[in-house]
Amino acid sequence: MPSDWLKLTTHRLDIYDEAQAKEAFLDEFNKLYHASDSSAESLATLPTAYDYIRLGHPLSSILEWAIAQSLNISPSHVISFSSKIAPVLAILRKNLLEKKATRIAYWDKLPACFDAEVLGNIYSYNFELIQASNWNQDEPFEGTTVYIKVGEEILEFDTSRDADFIVQINSVGSIVVVKNRDFSSYIGEIQHVRRRETIAITPKNSVLILNALVDSEKIVLQESAPVEQLEKVQNEIKIVTGSPTSALLASSGLSIQYAITMGLVDYAKSHYPSKKVHLIIPTNCYGGTNDQARRVAVCLPQVEIIDLLVDGENNMVDSLDGVLEGTALSDAIPLVIAEIPTNPRVEVPDMNQLAAILKKVRYTVNGVEAITPVFILDQTFCPNTSFLRQDDELAEVQTIAYVSGSKFPSGGLCTAGYAVSNVQGAHYMNRIAKHLKVCDNEATSEQVKILAEQMPTMNDRIIRAYLNTRAFVDAIQKILPRAKINFVEETLAQRGFTPSVFSLDLPSKGTDFAERESYKRELNHKLITMMISAIPDAKHCVSYGQLKGSYWTIPATSTQGTTQEEHKDYILRVSCSPDMDVDAHIRVLREFAKKYIMD
């Protein structure tokens, strides 16, 4: 096994075809299997299975392949999750949209996280539960049947059951088998839940199951993280953020974001049952955020997406003022999700003005005081920046901040994320914790261990990475004076905004916009190719906050994958690490400029 299979959270995009993903990886893996070639060198050259480990990875793909082999079905019909309940939620979601009935039959017991009341009342899922011993399989059922078995047995999928889906749940996650081929259309939907609301089974836990398969043993129970490690992570987050609340640790950034959204929807339904929820989202923000919000709205009639323009010629403060005025007039509940700095243009609003807009007293069309906004802040680009202390600009605003732990908190070693709040937002945290448990999206013990090891050095790594980025940006401005660079001003850095990512809009040429845009897009790929060819630690992927090297991507074709086309950014996004050869990067840039830019 290549060591990177266990250690990396992002994978090479230069050997990745998203449309093929797991299929291309397994096709080539099968060739090695039949050739009896299991060398690490050969395995390392396989096509990238998934670009980001949250969605899947080589080890999860091989696990699914092994199970499929034993059942004589296609590997596409086997999907593994870190969450014990996510595949069931994926099927329920699909049936909600398809207006189909769902029957959940279970052997002996349901997983401890299964909360029928919450799934019905908050998520709007419709289903009936039946214990397997009371299940008359001869009785016709107009709908979808899911069979659940909880236990540590390996590959004991009871295919004799008259079920459309079989879900086996164990201590390290769950595996769903699409038994009924008439339900093949569900595969993409189940995969997309894994992409947006949870994560694939982790590499370490995939290895646990694979080793158990090889040895024909039960899975070794996953141990909880030691109390001292949990306390260490909690203390580090409290020191960095100044939050009065304990952090909620999730399996990924999108896992915690989903818990925040559903927790706030839950709170809204219990306190304002007749009111609409306006989920206010930047149009060009990270594609996972954008897509997840819309996926929530399509399932819940009371939730509506409101677009927020935040970048470039659009000012976040002014845009938000207008949007919140409209929400107030319609007497809806405003939930604002925003990235600071913004992604990918790395812009920071005037924080005093932003706070004033969020605190502004507004009125409904009937003259009644409108509901106060909740500000949900994605501070992944600047996890060391202070937002939640009592002397911060947002102190009087209900604020919940979250961070993707796959970035600086873990140095790219795991996908865990976390959320904290200020005093004003603290009363929401129990609701968020509740939905983290309902979806079984809490951080794994291994993730907690990694955070405990990495977080004490986070602030130092952030500063060193920022200084490398500043040096590189300064050089680019001299070498390519006509290029547009989006990066924080030094005055913002003094305020505490020290990201190590910037966007680069290369100078182009052509007689009209279409020609200039086409030429620029070609230049983007040429620069990326030159960098990763010349510099061993330069990589073509979407990473940020890693321990070493530089990372290059085009947001429109990666992080903005599900963003509406008119809001996509066909520019370069570059992220720098605390350990990189800045001089080598500058040399390659000079060569690129001399070859493609300079007259």
Foldseek 3Di string as FASTA:
>chain_A
DAPCQQFFFFDFPVLEDPVCQLVQQVVQVVVCVVVVHDDNVSNVPGRFNDGGQQLHGDLQSVLLVVLCVVVVHDSLQKFWFQFACLLVVLVQLVCLLVVFEEEEEEEPDDPPLADPVCCCPQLVGHYHYHYPVPDDQVDDDGGFYEYEYEDQAASPFPLVRPHQKYWYGYQRTIMIGRNDPVCSVSSVSSSVCSVAAAGGRHSVQSVQNVVCVVVVHGRDHADAADPVLQVLLQVLLCVLAVAPDGKFKFQAQSNLVLLLVSLVSVVCCVPPVVAAEEEEEEQQAFQSNVVNLVSSCVSDVSYDYDYFHPDDPDNRLVRLLVVVQVCQQRLHAYEYEAEALGPPLNDHHDLLSNLCSQPDFYHYVVRHTHHRYAYEYEDQQFSNAYAAHCPHSNQVHQYKYKYQCCALLLQNRGGMMIIGTHPNNVVSVVSSSSVSSSRVGGHGSVVSVSSSVRSVCRVVFLVLLLVLQVVLVVLCCVLQVPKDKRHDDVVVVVNRNRGQKIWIQHAADDDDPVRRVVRSLVLLVVLLVLVVVQAVQEGAGDGHRHAEHKYKYQCCVHRSVPRPPVNGGRIMMMGGTSYYDSVSSSVSVNVSCVVPNDD
